[in-house]
Amino acid sequence: STRSLPLLLKIGLAAFVTIIFAPTLGSLPQVTVFSAEGVWIIVNQFLIGVALGMTMQIVFQAISATGDFVGLGMGLGFATFFNAQASSSSQVLSSYMYTIAMLVFLVIDGHLQMISALLASFSSLPVSANILGAPGRREPSPR
């Protein structure tokens, strides 16, 4: 979600991952894309993807916030620079900790583990219309 990557590169990467994952998905539900069930499947898959992405974003932003707090405790509150990616100023220690965390993430093959988690999500949460419950239908409550 960084601004330093062009939009076409992000779209191309998403299309590439889709092409790679598509043969491994198995049987998919046979629905029309713009039917209510098809739109509900798209919404389900979108929410699953957002949850995976937000999980990683929260981890890295927590590390960045830790850098802010540590920097303030060390008296580095005024040691800031302009961050072109966020279009704001950020503390030096915060950016340093974020960069170190990203490098550690890459060294421990975190990016490959995220891809395998994305692939595993299709087996634990298969593509179907009733993952989050079908729209407009309520399950009877047990009495």
N, C-alpha and C. Protein backbone atom coordinates (compact mmCIF):
# COMPACT_ATOMS: atom_id res chain seq x y z
N SER A 1 0.81 -1.20 0.00
CA SER A 1 0.00 0.00 0.00
C SER A 1 0.86 1.26 0.00
N THR A 2 2.12 1.11 -0.24
CA THR A 2 3.00 2.28 -0.23
C THR A 2 2.87 3.08 -1.52
N ARG A 3 3.10 4.35 -1.43
CA ARG A 3 2.96 5.22 -2.60
C ARG A 3 4.17 5.13 -3.52
N SER A 4 5.26 4.53 -3.05
CA SER A 4 6.46 4.48 -3.89
C SER A 4 6.34 3.44 -5.00
N LEU A 5 5.39 2.52 -4.89
CA LEU A 5 5.16 1.54 -5.95
C LEU A 5 4.06 2.05 -6.88
N PRO A 6 4.32 2.04 -8.19
CA PRO A 6 3.28 2.50 -9.13
C PRO A 6 2.06 1.58 -9.10
N LEU A 7 0.91 2.16 -9.40
CA LEU A 7 -0.35 1.42 -9.38
C LEU A 7 -0.33 0.26 -10.38
N LEU A 8 0.25 0.48 -11.57
CA LEU A 8 0.30 -0.60 -12.56
C LEU A 8 1.15 -1.77 -12.08
N LEU A 9 2.20 -1.51 -11.32
CA LEU A 9 3.01 -2.59 -10.77
C LEU A 9 2.21 -3.40 -9.76
N LYS A 10 1.44 -2.72 -8.92
CA LYS A 10 0.60 -3.42 -7.94
C LYS A 10 -0.45 -4.28 -8.63
N ILE A 11 -1.09 -3.73 -9.67
CA ILE A 11 -2.10 -4.48 -10.41
C ILE A 11 -1.46 -5.67 -11.11
N GLY A 12 -0.30 -5.47 -11.70
CA GLY A 12 0.40 -6.56 -12.37
C GLY A 12 0.81 -7.67 -11.41
N LEU A 13 1.27 -7.30 -10.22
CA LEU A 13 1.64 -8.30 -9.22
C LEU A 13 0.42 -9.09 -8.76
N ALA A 14 -0.70 -8.40 -8.56
CA ALA A 14 -1.94 -9.09 -8.16
C ALA A 14 -2.40 -10.04 -9.26
N ALA A 15 -2.30 -9.62 -10.52
CA ALA A 15 -2.69 -10.49 -11.63
C ALA A 15 -1.76 -11.69 -11.73
N PHE A 16 -0.47 -11.48 -11.51
CA PHE A 16 0.50 -12.58 -11.56
C PHE A 16 0.22 -13.61 -10.47
N VAL A 17 -0.03 -13.15 -9.25
CA VAL A 17 -0.33 -14.07 -8.15
C VAL A 17 -1.62 -14.82 -8.43
N THR A 18 -2.61 -14.14 -9.01
CA THR A 18 -3.88 -14.79 -9.37
C THR A 18 -3.66 -15.89 -10.39
N ILE A 19 -2.85 -15.61 -11.41
CA ILE A 19 -2.57 -16.61 -12.45
C ILE A 19 -1.83 -17.80 -11.87
N ILE A 20 -0.93 -17.57 -10.93
CA ILE A 20 -0.18 -18.66 -10.31
C ILE A 20 -1.08 -19.50 -9.40
N PHE A 21 -1.97 -18.86 -8.63
CA PHE A 21 -2.81 -19.57 -7.67
C PHE A 21 -4.00 -20.27 -8.31
N ALA A 22 -4.49 -19.79 -9.43
CA ALA A 22 -5.73 -20.30 -10.02
C ALA A 22 -5.72 -21.81 -10.25
N PRO A 23 -4.65 -22.42 -10.78
CA PRO A 23 -4.70 -23.87 -11.00
C PRO A 23 -4.73 -24.69 -9.71
N THR A 24 -4.36 -24.11 -8.58
CA THR A 24 -4.31 -24.87 -7.34
C THR A 24 -5.61 -24.82 -6.53
N LEU A 25 -6.60 -24.07 -7.00
CA LEU A 25 -7.80 -23.86 -6.20
C LEU A 25 -8.78 -25.02 -6.21
N GLY A 26 -8.72 -25.87 -7.19
CA GLY A 26 -9.68 -26.97 -7.26
C GLY A 26 -10.98 -26.51 -7.87
N SER A 27 -12.07 -27.15 -7.47
CA SER A 27 -13.37 -26.80 -8.07
C SER A 27 -13.92 -25.53 -7.43
N LEU A 28 -14.42 -24.66 -8.27
CA LEU A 28 -15.01 -23.41 -7.82
C LEU A 28 -16.52 -23.46 -8.03
N PRO A 29 -17.29 -22.72 -7.25
CA PRO A 29 -18.74 -22.71 -7.45
C PRO A 29 -19.09 -22.13 -8.82
N GLN A 30 -20.05 -22.74 -9.48
CA GLN A 30 -20.48 -22.29 -10.81
C GLN A 30 -21.62 -21.28 -10.64
N VAL A 31 -21.25 -20.01 -10.54
CA VAL A 31 -22.24 -18.94 -10.39
C VAL A 31 -21.91 -17.84 -11.39
N THR A 32 -22.92 -17.05 -11.70
CA THR A 32 -22.69 -15.88 -12.55
C THR A 32 -22.06 -14.79 -11.69
N VAL A 33 -21.12 -14.08 -12.28
CA VAL A 33 -20.35 -13.10 -11.50
C VAL A 33 -21.24 -12.00 -10.93
N PHE A 34 -22.18 -11.50 -11.70
CA PHE A 34 -22.98 -10.37 -11.24
C PHE A 34 -24.31 -10.77 -10.61
N SER A 35 -24.47 -12.05 -10.30
CA SER A 35 -25.66 -12.45 -9.54
C SER A 35 -25.42 -12.12 -8.07
N ALA A 36 -26.44 -12.24 -7.26
CA ALA A 36 -26.30 -11.93 -5.83
C ALA A 36 -25.28 -12.86 -5.18
N GLU A 37 -25.32 -14.13 -5.56
CA GLU A 37 -24.38 -15.09 -4.99
C GLU A 37 -22.95 -14.80 -5.45
N GLY A 38 -22.78 -14.42 -6.71
CA GLY A 38 -21.46 -14.09 -7.23
C GLY A 38 -20.86 -12.87 -6.56
N VAL A 39 -21.68 -11.85 -6.38
CA VAL A 39 -21.21 -10.64 -5.70
C VAL A 39 -20.86 -10.94 -4.25
N TRP A 40 -21.65 -11.81 -3.61
CA TRP A 40 -21.38 -12.18 -2.22
C TRP A 40 -20.06 -12.93 -2.10
N ILE A 41 -19.74 -13.80 -3.06
CA ILE A 41 -18.46 -14.50 -3.06
C ILE A 41 -17.32 -13.50 -3.20
N ILE A 42 -17.48 -12.52 -4.09
CA ILE A 42 -16.45 -11.50 -4.27
C ILE A 42 -16.24 -10.71 -2.98
N VAL A 43 -17.33 -10.35 -2.32
CA VAL A 43 -17.23 -9.61 -1.05
C VAL A 43 -16.51 -10.46 -0.01
N ASN A 44 -16.86 -11.75 0.09
CA ASN A 44 -16.19 -12.65 1.04
C ASN A 44 -14.70 -12.70 0.79
N GLN A 45 -14.30 -12.92 -0.46
CA GLN A 45 -12.88 -13.03 -0.79
C GLN A 45 -12.15 -11.71 -0.56
N PHE A 46 -12.81 -10.61 -0.85
CA PHE A 46 -12.22 -9.30 -0.60
C PHE A 46 -11.95 -9.11 0.89
N LEU A 47 -12.92 -9.46 1.73
CA LEU A 47 -12.77 -9.29 3.18
C LEU A 47 -11.67 -10.19 3.74
N ILE A 48 -11.53 -11.40 3.21
CA ILE A 48 -10.45 -12.28 3.65
C ILE A 48 -9.10 -11.68 3.28
N GLY A 49 -8.98 -11.16 2.07
CA GLY A 49 -7.73 -10.53 1.64
C GLY A 49 -7.39 -9.30 2.45
N VAL A 50 -8.40 -8.49 2.75
CA VAL A 50 -8.18 -7.30 3.56
C VAL A 50 -7.72 -7.69 4.96
N ALA A 51 -8.30 -8.75 5.52
CA ALA A 51 -7.90 -9.20 6.86
C ALA A 51 -6.44 -9.65 6.87
N LEU A 52 -6.02 -10.39 5.85
CA LEU A 52 -4.62 -10.82 5.79
C LEU A 52 -3.68 -9.62 5.63
N GLY A 53 -4.04 -8.70 4.77
CA GLY A 53 -3.20 -7.53 4.56
C GLY A 53 -3.13 -6.62 5.77
N MET A 54 -4.27 -6.42 6.42
CA MET A 54 -4.29 -5.56 7.60
C MET A 54 -3.50 -6.15 8.75
N THR A 55 -3.47 -7.48 8.84
CA THR A 55 -2.70 -8.12 9.90
C THR A 55 -1.23 -7.73 9.80
N MET A 56 -0.68 -7.83 8.60
CA MET A 56 0.72 -7.47 8.41
C MET A 56 0.93 -5.97 8.59
N GLN A 57 0.01 -5.18 8.11
CA GLN A 57 0.13 -3.72 8.25
C GLN A 57 0.13 -3.32 9.72
N ILE A 58 -0.71 -3.95 10.53
CA ILE A 58 -0.77 -3.64 11.96
C ILE A 58 0.55 -3.99 12.64
N VAL A 59 1.14 -5.13 12.27
CA VAL A 59 2.42 -5.54 12.87
C VAL A 59 3.50 -4.50 12.57
N PHE A 60 3.62 -4.10 11.32
CA PHE A 60 4.67 -3.15 10.96
C PHE A 60 4.40 -1.75 11.51
N GLN A 61 3.15 -1.34 11.59
CA GLN A 61 2.85 -0.04 12.16
C GLN A 61 3.07 -0.03 13.68
N ALA A 62 2.88 -1.18 14.33
CA ALA A 62 3.18 -1.28 15.76
C ALA A 62 4.67 -1.11 16.00
N ILE A 63 5.48 -1.68 15.12
CA ILE A 63 6.94 -1.52 15.23
C ILE A 63 7.32 -0.06 15.00
N SER A 64 6.69 0.58 14.04
CA SER A 64 6.95 1.99 13.78
C SER A 64 6.54 2.86 14.97
N ALA A 65 5.40 2.56 15.57
CA ALA A 65 4.95 3.31 16.75
C ALA A 65 5.90 3.09 17.93
N THR A 66 6.43 1.88 18.05
CA THR A 66 7.42 1.61 19.09
C THR A 66 8.64 2.50 18.89
N GLY A 67 9.06 2.67 17.64
CA GLY A 67 10.18 3.57 17.35
C GLY A 67 9.87 5.00 17.75
N ASP A 68 8.62 5.43 17.54
CA ASP A 68 8.21 6.77 17.97
C ASP A 68 8.35 6.92 19.48
N PHE A 69 7.83 5.95 20.23
CA PHE A 69 7.86 6.03 21.69
C PHE A 69 9.29 5.97 22.23
N VAL A 70 10.10 5.08 21.68
CA VAL A 70 11.49 4.97 22.13
C VAL A 70 12.25 6.25 21.80
N GLY A 71 12.01 6.79 20.61
CA GLY A 71 12.67 8.04 20.22
C GLY A 71 12.30 9.19 21.13
N LEU A 72 11.03 9.28 21.51
CA LEU A 72 10.62 10.33 22.45
C LEU A 72 11.27 10.14 23.81
N GLY A 73 11.38 8.89 24.25
CA GLY A 73 12.02 8.60 25.53
C GLY A 73 13.51 8.92 25.53
N MET A 74 14.14 8.81 24.37
CA MET A 74 15.57 9.10 24.26
C MET A 74 15.84 10.58 24.00
N GLY A 75 14.80 11.37 23.85
CA GLY A 75 14.98 12.79 23.57
C GLY A 75 15.16 13.09 22.10
N LEU A 76 14.74 12.19 21.24
CA LEU A 76 14.88 12.39 19.80
C LEU A 76 13.56 12.84 19.17
N GLY A 77 12.74 13.52 19.94
CA GLY A 77 11.44 13.96 19.45
C GLY A 77 11.53 14.94 18.29
N PHE A 78 12.61 15.72 18.25
CA PHE A 78 12.76 16.70 17.17
C PHE A 78 13.60 16.17 16.02
N ALA A 79 14.13 14.96 16.15
CA ALA A 79 14.94 14.38 15.07
C ALA A 79 14.00 13.72 14.07
N THR A 80 13.47 14.54 13.17
CA THR A 80 12.52 14.04 12.17
C THR A 80 13.03 14.38 10.78
N PHE A 81 12.46 13.72 9.79
CA PHE A 81 12.73 14.04 8.39
C PHE A 81 11.44 13.85 7.61
N PHE A 82 11.40 14.41 6.42
CA PHE A 82 10.20 14.32 5.60
C PHE A 82 10.15 12.96 4.93
N ASN A 83 9.07 12.22 5.16
CA ASN A 83 8.86 10.91 4.56
C ASN A 83 8.01 11.09 3.32
N ALA A 84 8.61 10.92 2.15
CA ALA A 84 7.89 11.14 0.89
C ALA A 84 6.79 10.10 0.67
N GLN A 85 6.95 8.89 1.23
CA GLN A 85 5.94 7.85 1.05
C GLN A 85 4.66 8.21 1.78
N ALA A 86 4.79 8.75 2.97
CA ALA A 86 3.61 9.09 3.77
C ALA A 86 3.21 10.55 3.62
N SER A 87 4.00 11.33 2.90
CA SER A 87 3.78 12.77 2.72
C SER A 87 3.68 13.48 4.06
N SER A 88 4.49 13.07 5.00
CA SER A 88 4.53 13.71 6.31
C SER A 88 5.92 13.51 6.89
N SER A 89 6.16 14.15 8.03
CA SER A 89 7.45 13.93 8.67
C SER A 89 7.34 12.76 9.64
N SER A 90 8.43 12.04 9.76
CA SER A 90 8.45 10.91 10.68
C SER A 90 9.77 10.93 11.44
N GLN A 91 9.76 10.31 12.59
CA GLN A 91 10.95 10.30 13.43
C GLN A 91 11.99 9.35 12.84
N VAL A 92 13.24 9.70 13.08
CA VAL A 92 14.35 8.93 12.53
C VAL A 92 14.35 7.52 13.10
N LEU A 93 14.19 7.38 14.40
CA LEU A 93 14.23 6.05 15.02
C LEU A 93 13.06 5.19 14.57
N SER A 94 11.91 5.79 14.35
CA SER A 94 10.75 5.05 13.86
C SER A 94 11.01 4.49 12.47
N SER A 95 11.56 5.31 11.59
CA SER A 95 11.87 4.84 10.24
C SER A 95 12.96 3.78 10.26
N TYR A 96 13.93 3.95 11.14
CA TYR A 96 15.01 2.97 11.27
C TYR A 96 14.46 1.62 11.72
N MET A 97 13.62 1.63 12.75
CA MET A 97 13.06 0.36 13.24
C MET A 97 12.16 -0.29 12.20
N TYR A 98 11.40 0.51 11.46
CA TYR A 98 10.54 -0.02 10.40
C TYR A 98 11.39 -0.68 9.32
N THR A 99 12.49 -0.03 8.93
CA THR A 99 13.37 -0.59 7.91
C THR A 99 14.02 -1.88 8.39
N ILE A 100 14.49 -1.90 9.62
CA ILE A 100 15.09 -3.12 10.18
C ILE A 100 14.06 -4.24 10.25
N ALA A 101 12.84 -3.93 10.66
CA ALA A 101 11.78 -4.95 10.73
C ALA A 101 11.48 -5.50 9.35
N MET A 102 11.45 -4.64 8.34
CA MET A 102 11.19 -5.09 6.97
C MET A 102 12.32 -5.99 6.47
N LEU A 103 13.56 -5.62 6.78
CA LEU A 103 14.70 -6.45 6.36
C LEU A 103 14.69 -7.80 7.07
N VAL A 104 14.37 -7.81 8.36
CA VAL A 104 14.27 -9.08 9.08
C VAL A 104 13.15 -9.93 8.50
N PHE A 105 12.03 -9.30 8.17
CA PHE A 105 10.90 -10.00 7.55
C PHE A 105 11.33 -10.68 6.26
N LEU A 106 12.12 -9.99 5.45
CA LEU A 106 12.58 -10.57 4.19
C LEU A 106 13.62 -11.66 4.43
N VAL A 107 14.50 -11.48 5.42
CA VAL A 107 15.55 -12.46 5.70
C VAL A 107 14.96 -13.78 6.20
N ILE A 108 13.91 -13.71 7.01
CA ILE A 108 13.29 -14.94 7.53
C ILE A 108 12.24 -15.49 6.57
N ASP A 109 12.25 -15.00 5.32
CA ASP A 109 11.32 -15.43 4.28
C ASP A 109 9.87 -15.19 4.67
N GLY A 110 9.63 -14.08 5.33
CA GLY A 110 8.26 -13.73 5.72
C GLY A 110 7.37 -13.51 4.52
N HIS A 111 7.93 -12.98 3.44
CA HIS A 111 7.12 -12.76 2.24
C HIS A 111 6.66 -14.08 1.64
N LEU A 112 7.53 -15.11 1.70
CA LEU A 112 7.13 -16.43 1.21
C LEU A 112 6.12 -17.09 2.14
N GLN A 113 6.27 -16.85 3.44
CA GLN A 113 5.30 -17.38 4.39
C GLN A 113 3.94 -16.72 4.22
N MET A 114 3.92 -15.43 3.88
CA MET A 114 2.65 -14.75 3.61
C MET A 114 1.97 -15.32 2.36
N ILE A 115 2.77 -15.62 1.34
CA ILE A 115 2.20 -16.21 0.12
C ILE A 115 1.65 -17.59 0.42
N SER A 116 2.37 -18.38 1.23
CA SER A 116 1.86 -19.71 1.57
C SER A 116 0.63 -19.60 2.48
N ALA A 117 0.57 -18.59 3.34
CA ALA A 117 -0.63 -18.38 4.16
C ALA A 117 -1.81 -18.00 3.29
N LEU A 118 -1.56 -17.19 2.27
CA LEU A 118 -2.63 -16.82 1.34
C LEU A 118 -3.14 -18.06 0.61
N LEU A 119 -2.23 -18.92 0.18
CA LEU A 119 -2.62 -20.15 -0.50
C LEU A 119 -3.37 -21.09 0.46
N ALA A 120 -2.91 -21.17 1.71
CA ALA A 120 -3.59 -22.03 2.69
C ALA A 120 -4.97 -21.50 3.05
N SER A 121 -5.17 -20.19 2.90
CA SER A 121 -6.49 -19.63 3.23
C SER A 121 -7.56 -20.15 2.28
N PHE A 122 -7.18 -20.55 1.08
CA PHE A 122 -8.16 -21.09 0.15
C PHE A 122 -8.60 -22.50 0.53
N SER A 123 -7.78 -23.23 1.31
CA SER A 123 -8.23 -24.54 1.76
C SER A 123 -9.00 -24.43 3.08
N SER A 124 -8.61 -23.51 3.95
CA SER A 124 -9.34 -23.38 5.21
C SER A 124 -10.62 -22.55 5.05
N LEU A 125 -10.62 -21.60 4.13
CA LEU A 125 -11.81 -20.81 3.81
C LEU A 125 -12.06 -20.90 2.31
N PRO A 126 -12.66 -22.00 1.85
CA PRO A 126 -12.80 -22.20 0.40
C PRO A 126 -13.71 -21.15 -0.24
N VAL A 127 -13.53 -21.02 -1.54
CA VAL A 127 -14.34 -20.06 -2.30
C VAL A 127 -15.76 -20.60 -2.40
N SER A 128 -16.67 -20.01 -1.64
CA SER A 128 -18.08 -20.40 -1.68
C SER A 128 -18.90 -19.23 -1.16
N ALA A 129 -20.18 -19.31 -1.34
CA ALA A 129 -21.05 -18.19 -0.96
C ALA A 129 -21.43 -18.21 0.50
N ASN A 130 -21.14 -19.26 1.23
CA ASN A 130 -21.62 -19.32 2.61
C ASN A 130 -20.49 -19.30 3.64
N ILE A 131 -19.41 -18.59 3.36
CA ILE A 131 -18.35 -18.46 4.35
C ILE A 131 -18.82 -17.56 5.50
N LEU A 132 -19.30 -16.39 5.16
CA LEU A 132 -19.80 -15.45 6.17
C LEU A 132 -21.31 -15.55 6.34
N GLY A 133 -21.90 -16.54 5.73
CA GLY A 133 -23.35 -16.67 5.75
C GLY A 133 -23.93 -16.03 4.51
N ALA A 134 -24.94 -16.63 3.96
CA ALA A 134 -25.54 -16.10 2.73
C ALA A 134 -26.28 -14.81 3.04
N PRO A 135 -26.27 -13.85 2.12
CA PRO A 135 -26.94 -12.58 2.39
C PRO A 135 -28.45 -12.75 2.45
N GLY A 136 -29.06 -12.12 3.43
CA GLY A 136 -30.51 -12.15 3.56
C GLY A 136 -31.06 -13.41 4.20
N ARG A 137 -30.19 -14.31 4.57
CA ARG A 137 -30.65 -15.55 5.21
C ARG A 137 -30.16 -15.58 6.64
N ARG A 138 -31.01 -15.97 7.54
CA ARG A 138 -30.62 -16.09 8.94
C ARG A 138 -30.78 -17.53 9.35
N GLU A 139 -29.80 -18.01 10.06
CA GLU A 139 -29.88 -19.37 10.59
C GLU A 139 -30.81 -19.36 11.80
N PRO A 140 -31.66 -20.36 11.92
CA PRO A 140 -32.52 -20.40 13.11
C PRO A 140 -31.68 -20.59 14.36
N SER A 141 -32.02 -19.85 15.39
CA SER A 141 -31.26 -19.97 16.64
C SER A 141 -31.76 -21.19 17.41
N PRO A 142 -30.82 -21.94 18.00
CA PRO A 142 -31.24 -23.12 18.78
C PRO A 142 -31.93 -22.69 20.07
N ARG A 143 -32.99 -23.39 20.41
CA ARG A 143 -33.75 -23.04 21.62
C ARG A 143 -33.60 -24.10 22.65
